[in-house]
Amino acid sequence: MLWDDVYVPLSEDEQRILSEIEDKLYESDPSLAKEVGSTTVYTASLRSVRWAAVGFAAGLIVMVVTLSTSYLFAFGGFLIMLAAALVFERGARSLGKVGIDQIAQQLRGSGRGPFAEPAQRLRDRLKDEET
């Protein structure tokens, strides 16, 4: 039996106790409460995936720029790309399907996706043409 699929609702007493603990945390250390409320189990993995993407791009730039001058530096750029790809893969595995879905849902909900602004302009333009 998978325990992940079993959800037991809290009783009213348990909900009250949990609410009191949360209120005391906000009173005693608001910065910790804010940090705990804004982070998820996927935050560290997402950060490593982002840095791996930056590292991969930097390695690609180093490789392309130095390829005509020094094969040794170009090979160094390739090694940077390889290391970044391995870090990216490890981070993506630790995120898993659920983490990736959650991040995609948050990006869709916040409107911060890579195509959010152009998509909104297109929707506005189509809406103006319809009226």
N, C-alpha and C. Protein backbone atom coordinates (compact mmCIF):
# COMPACT_ATOMS: atom_id res chain seq x y z
N MET A 1 0.84 -1.18 0.00
CA MET A 1 0.00 0.00 0.00
C MET A 1 0.89 1.24 0.00
N LEU A 2 0.57 2.17 -0.83
CA LEU A 2 1.33 3.40 -0.90
C LEU A 2 0.74 4.41 0.07
N TRP A 3 1.55 4.88 0.99
CA TRP A 3 1.07 5.84 1.98
C TRP A 3 0.94 7.23 1.40
N ASP A 4 1.59 7.47 0.25
CA ASP A 4 1.48 8.78 -0.37
C ASP A 4 0.07 9.06 -0.88
N ASP A 5 -0.67 8.00 -1.17
CA ASP A 5 -2.01 8.16 -1.71
C ASP A 5 -3.08 8.28 -0.63
N VAL A 6 -2.70 8.13 0.63
CA VAL A 6 -3.66 8.15 1.72
C VAL A 6 -3.63 9.53 2.37
N TYR A 7 -4.74 10.22 2.34
CA TYR A 7 -4.86 11.54 2.96
C TYR A 7 -5.89 11.45 4.06
N VAL A 8 -5.46 11.74 5.28
CA VAL A 8 -6.36 11.73 6.42
C VAL A 8 -6.57 13.18 6.83
N PRO A 9 -7.81 13.65 6.79
CA PRO A 9 -8.05 15.04 7.17
C PRO A 9 -7.80 15.24 8.66
N LEU A 10 -7.38 16.46 9.00
CA LEU A 10 -7.14 16.78 10.40
C LEU A 10 -8.45 17.04 11.11
N SER A 11 -8.49 16.66 12.38
CA SER A 11 -9.67 16.98 13.18
C SER A 11 -9.66 18.46 13.51
N GLU A 12 -10.77 18.96 14.03
CA GLU A 12 -10.85 20.38 14.37
C GLU A 12 -9.83 20.75 15.44
N ASP A 13 -9.62 19.85 16.39
CA ASP A 13 -8.65 20.10 17.45
C ASP A 13 -7.23 20.16 16.88
N GLU A 14 -6.91 19.25 15.98
CA GLU A 14 -5.58 19.25 15.35
C GLU A 14 -5.37 20.50 14.49
N GLN A 15 -6.41 20.92 13.79
CA GLN A 15 -6.31 22.14 12.99
C GLN A 15 -6.09 23.36 13.88
N ARG A 16 -6.76 23.40 15.04
CA ARG A 16 -6.60 24.52 15.98
C ARG A 16 -5.18 24.54 16.51
N ILE A 17 -4.65 23.38 16.90
CA ILE A 17 -3.28 23.30 17.43
C ILE A 17 -2.27 23.73 16.37
N LEU A 18 -2.46 23.26 15.15
CA LEU A 18 -1.58 23.64 14.06
C LEU A 18 -1.63 25.14 13.79
N SER A 19 -2.80 25.70 13.85
CA SER A 19 -2.96 27.15 13.66
C SER A 19 -2.26 27.93 14.77
N GLU A 20 -2.35 27.45 16.01
CA GLU A 20 -1.68 28.12 17.12
C GLU A 20 -0.16 28.06 16.96
N ILE A 21 0.35 26.91 16.53
CA ILE A 21 1.79 26.78 16.31
C ILE A 21 2.24 27.74 15.22
N GLU A 22 1.46 27.84 14.16
CA GLU A 22 1.80 28.74 13.07
C GLU A 22 1.79 30.20 13.53
N ASP A 23 0.78 30.57 14.32
CA ASP A 23 0.70 31.94 14.84
C ASP A 23 1.89 32.27 15.74
N LYS A 24 2.28 31.31 16.59
CA LYS A 24 3.42 31.52 17.48
C LYS A 24 4.71 31.66 16.68
N LEU A 25 4.84 30.91 15.60
CA LEU A 25 6.02 31.03 14.75
C LEU A 25 6.08 32.40 14.11
N TYR A 26 4.95 32.90 13.62
CA TYR A 26 4.93 34.23 13.02
C TYR A 26 5.26 35.30 14.05
N GLU A 27 4.82 35.12 15.30
CA GLU A 27 5.10 36.09 16.35
C GLU A 27 6.57 36.05 16.79
N SER A 28 7.11 34.85 16.93
CA SER A 28 8.46 34.73 17.47
C SER A 28 9.55 35.03 16.45
N ASP A 29 9.38 34.58 15.22
CA ASP A 29 10.42 34.78 14.20
C ASP A 29 9.77 34.97 12.83
N PRO A 30 9.35 36.21 12.52
CA PRO A 30 8.66 36.43 11.25
C PRO A 30 9.52 36.16 10.02
N SER A 31 10.83 36.40 10.11
CA SER A 31 11.69 36.16 8.94
C SER A 31 11.78 34.66 8.64
N LEU A 32 11.87 33.84 9.69
CA LEU A 32 11.88 32.39 9.48
C LEU A 32 10.55 31.92 8.91
N ALA A 33 9.46 32.44 9.43
CA ALA A 33 8.14 32.06 8.94
C ALA A 33 7.98 32.41 7.46
N LYS A 34 8.50 33.58 7.09
CA LYS A 34 8.41 34.00 5.69
C LYS A 34 9.26 33.08 4.81
N GLU A 35 10.47 32.74 5.28
CA GLU A 35 11.35 31.87 4.50
C GLU A 35 10.76 30.48 4.36
N VAL A 36 10.22 29.95 5.43
CA VAL A 36 9.62 28.62 5.38
C VAL A 36 8.40 28.62 4.47
N GLY A 37 7.63 29.69 4.50
CA GLY A 37 6.44 29.78 3.66
C GLY A 37 6.75 29.94 2.18
N SER A 38 7.93 30.49 1.86
CA SER A 38 8.25 30.74 0.45
C SER A 38 9.08 29.64 -0.19
N THR A 39 9.63 28.72 0.59
CA THR A 39 10.45 27.66 0.02
C THR A 39 9.66 26.36 -0.03
N THR A 40 10.08 25.52 -0.96
CA THR A 40 9.48 24.20 -1.08
C THR A 40 10.60 23.17 -1.07
N VAL A 41 10.24 21.91 -1.14
CA VAL A 41 11.26 20.87 -1.19
C VAL A 41 12.01 20.91 -2.52
N TYR A 42 11.49 21.62 -3.49
CA TYR A 42 12.11 21.67 -4.81
C TYR A 42 12.98 22.91 -5.01
N THR A 43 13.07 23.79 -4.03
CA THR A 43 13.79 25.05 -4.21
C THR A 43 15.27 24.83 -4.52
N ALA A 44 15.94 23.98 -3.75
CA ALA A 44 17.37 23.75 -3.97
C ALA A 44 17.63 23.09 -5.33
N SER A 45 16.78 22.14 -5.69
CA SER A 45 16.95 21.47 -6.99
C SER A 45 16.74 22.45 -8.13
N LEU A 46 15.75 23.30 -8.00
CA LEU A 46 15.48 24.29 -9.04
C LEU A 46 16.64 25.26 -9.17
N ARG A 47 17.21 25.66 -8.04
CA ARG A 47 18.36 26.56 -8.07
C ARG A 47 19.53 25.90 -8.79
N SER A 48 19.78 24.62 -8.50
CA SER A 48 20.91 23.95 -9.16
C SER A 48 20.66 23.77 -10.66
N VAL A 49 19.40 23.54 -11.05
CA VAL A 49 19.08 23.43 -12.48
C VAL A 49 19.30 24.77 -13.18
N ARG A 50 18.93 25.85 -12.53
CA ARG A 50 19.14 27.17 -13.13
C ARG A 50 20.63 27.47 -13.30
N TRP A 51 21.42 27.20 -12.25
CA TRP A 51 22.85 27.45 -12.34
C TRP A 51 23.50 26.54 -13.37
N ALA A 52 23.02 25.32 -13.50
CA ALA A 52 23.56 24.41 -14.51
C ALA A 52 23.28 24.95 -15.91
N ALA A 53 22.12 25.52 -16.12
CA ALA A 53 21.80 26.09 -17.43
C ALA A 53 22.73 27.27 -17.73
N VAL A 54 22.98 28.10 -16.72
CA VAL A 54 23.91 29.23 -16.90
C VAL A 54 25.31 28.71 -17.19
N GLY A 55 25.73 27.68 -16.46
CA GLY A 55 27.05 27.09 -16.69
C GLY A 55 27.18 26.48 -18.06
N PHE A 56 26.12 25.83 -18.52
CA PHE A 56 26.14 25.24 -19.86
C PHE A 56 26.30 26.33 -20.92
N ALA A 57 25.55 27.42 -20.75
CA ALA A 57 25.66 28.53 -21.72
C ALA A 57 27.06 29.14 -21.67
N ALA A 58 27.64 29.28 -20.48
CA ALA A 58 28.99 29.84 -20.36
C ALA A 58 30.00 28.91 -21.02
N GLY A 59 29.86 27.61 -20.81
CA GLY A 59 30.76 26.65 -21.44
C GLY A 59 30.65 26.68 -22.95
N LEU A 60 29.44 26.81 -23.45
CA LEU A 60 29.23 26.89 -24.89
C LEU A 60 29.90 28.14 -25.46
N ILE A 61 29.75 29.25 -24.77
CA ILE A 61 30.37 30.50 -25.24
C ILE A 61 31.89 30.36 -25.24
N VAL A 62 32.45 29.80 -24.15
CA VAL A 62 33.90 29.61 -24.08
C VAL A 62 34.35 28.70 -25.22
N MET A 63 33.64 27.64 -25.48
CA MET A 63 34.03 26.70 -26.52
C MET A 63 34.00 27.35 -27.90
N VAL A 64 32.92 28.06 -28.19
CA VAL A 64 32.79 28.67 -29.52
C VAL A 64 33.82 29.78 -29.72
N VAL A 65 34.03 30.61 -28.70
CA VAL A 65 34.95 31.74 -28.84
C VAL A 65 36.39 31.27 -28.96
N THR A 66 36.77 30.24 -28.21
CA THR A 66 38.18 29.83 -28.20
C THR A 66 38.50 28.71 -29.18
N LEU A 67 37.53 28.21 -29.89
CA LEU A 67 37.77 27.08 -30.80
C LEU A 67 38.78 27.43 -31.89
N SER A 68 38.74 28.63 -32.39
CA SER A 68 39.66 29.00 -33.49
C SER A 68 41.05 29.37 -32.97
N THR A 69 41.20 29.66 -31.69
CA THR A 69 42.49 30.08 -31.18
C THR A 69 43.21 28.98 -30.40
N SER A 70 42.49 28.28 -29.55
CA SER A 70 43.15 27.28 -28.70
C SER A 70 42.22 26.10 -28.50
N TYR A 71 42.66 24.95 -28.96
CA TYR A 71 41.84 23.76 -28.77
C TYR A 71 41.78 23.35 -27.30
N LEU A 72 42.81 23.69 -26.54
CA LEU A 72 42.82 23.36 -25.11
C LEU A 72 41.73 24.13 -24.37
N PHE A 73 41.61 25.42 -24.62
CA PHE A 73 40.56 26.20 -23.98
C PHE A 73 39.17 25.78 -24.48
N ALA A 74 39.07 25.45 -25.74
CA ALA A 74 37.80 24.96 -26.29
C ALA A 74 37.40 23.66 -25.61
N PHE A 75 38.38 22.79 -25.37
CA PHE A 75 38.10 21.54 -24.66
C PHE A 75 37.67 21.83 -23.22
N GLY A 76 38.28 22.85 -22.62
CA GLY A 76 37.85 23.28 -21.28
C GLY A 76 36.40 23.74 -21.29
N GLY A 77 36.00 24.47 -22.33
CA GLY A 77 34.60 24.88 -22.46
C GLY A 77 33.69 23.69 -22.60
N PHE A 78 34.15 22.67 -23.35
CA PHE A 78 33.37 21.45 -23.49
C PHE A 78 33.22 20.75 -22.15
N LEU A 79 34.29 20.71 -21.36
CA LEU A 79 34.21 20.08 -20.03
C LEU A 79 33.26 20.83 -19.10
N ILE A 80 33.25 22.16 -19.21
CA ILE A 80 32.29 22.96 -18.43
C ILE A 80 30.87 22.60 -18.84
N MET A 81 30.65 22.48 -20.15
CA MET A 81 29.31 22.10 -20.64
C MET A 81 28.93 20.71 -20.14
N LEU A 82 29.86 19.78 -20.16
CA LEU A 82 29.60 18.42 -19.70
C LEU A 82 29.25 18.39 -18.21
N ALA A 83 30.03 19.11 -17.41
CA ALA A 83 29.74 19.17 -15.97
C ALA A 83 28.38 19.81 -15.71
N ALA A 84 28.08 20.87 -16.44
CA ALA A 84 26.78 21.54 -16.26
C ALA A 84 25.63 20.63 -16.67
N ALA A 85 25.83 19.86 -17.72
CA ALA A 85 24.78 18.92 -18.15
C ALA A 85 24.55 17.85 -17.09
N LEU A 86 25.61 17.38 -16.46
CA LEU A 86 25.46 16.38 -15.39
C LEU A 86 24.75 16.96 -14.18
N VAL A 87 25.09 18.20 -13.80
CA VAL A 87 24.41 18.86 -12.69
C VAL A 87 22.94 19.08 -13.03
N PHE A 88 22.67 19.49 -14.28
CA PHE A 88 21.30 19.70 -14.72
C PHE A 88 20.50 18.41 -14.63
N GLU A 89 21.10 17.32 -15.08
CA GLU A 89 20.40 16.03 -15.05
C GLU A 89 20.12 15.60 -13.62
N ARG A 90 21.09 15.76 -12.72
CA ARG A 90 20.88 15.40 -11.33
C ARG A 90 19.77 16.25 -10.69
N GLY A 91 19.79 17.55 -10.99
CA GLY A 91 18.76 18.43 -10.45
C GLY A 91 17.39 18.10 -11.00
N ALA A 92 17.32 17.78 -12.29
CA ALA A 92 16.03 17.43 -12.90
C ALA A 92 15.51 16.12 -12.32
N ARG A 93 16.39 15.18 -12.05
CA ARG A 93 15.95 13.92 -11.42
C ARG A 93 15.42 14.15 -10.02
N SER A 94 16.10 15.02 -9.26
CA SER A 94 15.63 15.27 -7.90
C SER A 94 14.33 16.07 -7.89
N LEU A 95 14.12 16.88 -8.93
CA LEU A 95 12.83 17.57 -9.05
C LEU A 95 11.73 16.57 -9.32
N GLY A 96 11.98 15.66 -10.23
CA GLY A 96 10.98 14.67 -10.59
C GLY A 96 9.83 15.28 -11.36
N LYS A 97 8.92 14.44 -11.77
CA LYS A 97 7.76 14.89 -12.55
C LYS A 97 6.87 15.82 -11.74
N VAL A 98 6.67 15.49 -10.48
CA VAL A 98 5.80 16.30 -9.63
C VAL A 98 6.38 17.69 -9.44
N GLY A 99 7.67 17.78 -9.20
CA GLY A 99 8.31 19.08 -9.02
C GLY A 99 8.26 19.92 -10.27
N ILE A 100 8.51 19.31 -11.41
CA ILE A 100 8.47 20.04 -12.68
C ILE A 100 7.05 20.52 -12.96
N ASP A 101 6.06 19.66 -12.70
CA ASP A 101 4.66 20.06 -12.89
C ASP A 101 4.29 21.21 -11.96
N GLN A 102 4.76 21.15 -10.70
CA GLN A 102 4.44 22.21 -9.75
C GLN A 102 5.06 23.53 -10.17
N ILE A 103 6.29 23.50 -10.64
CA ILE A 103 6.96 24.72 -11.09
C ILE A 103 6.27 25.28 -12.32
N ALA A 104 5.90 24.42 -13.26
CA ALA A 104 5.19 24.88 -14.46
C ALA A 104 3.85 25.50 -14.09
N GLN A 105 3.16 24.91 -13.12
CA GLN A 105 1.87 25.45 -12.69
C GLN A 105 2.07 26.81 -12.02
N GLN A 106 3.11 26.96 -11.23
CA GLN A 106 3.38 28.25 -10.59
C GLN A 106 3.72 29.31 -11.63
N LEU A 107 4.50 28.93 -12.65
CA LEU A 107 4.83 29.89 -13.70
C LEU A 107 3.60 30.30 -14.49
N ARG A 108 2.72 29.33 -14.76
CA ARG A 108 1.48 29.66 -15.47
C ARG A 108 0.59 30.55 -14.62
N GLY A 109 0.52 30.27 -13.33
CA GLY A 109 -0.34 31.04 -12.44
C GLY A 109 0.16 32.45 -12.23
N SER A 110 1.48 32.62 -12.16
CA SER A 110 2.03 33.94 -11.90
C SER A 110 2.20 34.75 -13.18
N GLY A 111 2.11 34.10 -14.33
CA GLY A 111 2.29 34.81 -15.59
C GLY A 111 3.74 35.17 -15.86
N ARG A 112 4.69 34.42 -15.25
CA ARG A 112 6.10 34.73 -15.41
C ARG A 112 6.78 33.82 -16.40
N GLY A 113 6.05 33.10 -17.19
CA GLY A 113 6.67 32.20 -18.15
C GLY A 113 7.41 32.97 -19.22
N PRO A 114 8.21 32.30 -20.02
CA PRO A 114 9.01 33.00 -21.03
C PRO A 114 8.18 33.68 -22.11
N PHE A 115 6.98 33.19 -22.33
CA PHE A 115 6.13 33.76 -23.38
C PHE A 115 4.90 34.46 -22.80
N ALA A 116 4.95 34.82 -21.52
CA ALA A 116 3.77 35.39 -20.87
C ALA A 116 3.40 36.75 -21.47
N GLU A 117 4.38 37.63 -21.62
CA GLU A 117 4.07 38.97 -22.13
C GLU A 117 3.63 38.94 -23.59
N PRO A 118 4.35 38.26 -24.49
CA PRO A 118 3.86 38.21 -25.88
C PRO A 118 2.50 37.52 -26.00
N ALA A 119 2.27 36.50 -25.19
CA ALA A 119 0.97 35.82 -25.24
C ALA A 119 -0.15 36.75 -24.78
N GLN A 120 0.12 37.55 -23.76
CA GLN A 120 -0.90 38.49 -23.28
C GLN A 120 -1.18 39.56 -24.33
N ARG A 121 -0.14 40.04 -25.00
CA ARG A 121 -0.35 41.03 -26.06
C ARG A 121 -1.18 40.44 -27.20
N LEU A 122 -0.91 39.18 -27.55
CA LEU A 122 -1.66 38.52 -28.61
C LEU A 122 -3.12 38.36 -28.19
N ARG A 123 -3.36 37.95 -26.94
CA ARG A 123 -4.74 37.83 -26.45
C ARG A 123 -5.46 39.17 -26.50
N ASP A 124 -4.76 40.23 -26.08
CA ASP A 124 -5.37 41.56 -26.10
C ASP A 124 -5.69 41.99 -27.53
N ARG A 125 -4.78 41.71 -28.46
CA ARG A 125 -4.98 42.08 -29.85
C ARG A 125 -6.18 41.33 -30.45
N LEU A 126 -6.26 40.02 -30.16
CA LEU A 126 -7.37 39.24 -30.66
C LEU A 126 -8.70 39.70 -30.06
N LYS A 127 -8.67 40.05 -28.79
CA LYS A 127 -9.88 40.53 -28.14
C LYS A 127 -10.34 41.85 -28.75
N ASP A 128 -9.38 42.75 -29.08
CA ASP A 128 -9.72 44.02 -29.70
C ASP A 128 -10.30 43.82 -31.10
N GLU A 129 -9.76 42.84 -31.84
CA GLU A 129 -10.26 42.58 -33.19
C GLU A 129 -11.66 42.00 -33.17
N GLU A 130 -11.98 41.24 -32.14
CA GLU A 130 -13.31 40.63 -32.04
C GLU A 130 -14.38 41.67 -31.76
N THR A 131 -14.03 42.69 -31.01
CA THR A 131 -15.04 43.70 -30.64
C THR A 131 -15.15 44.82 -31.63
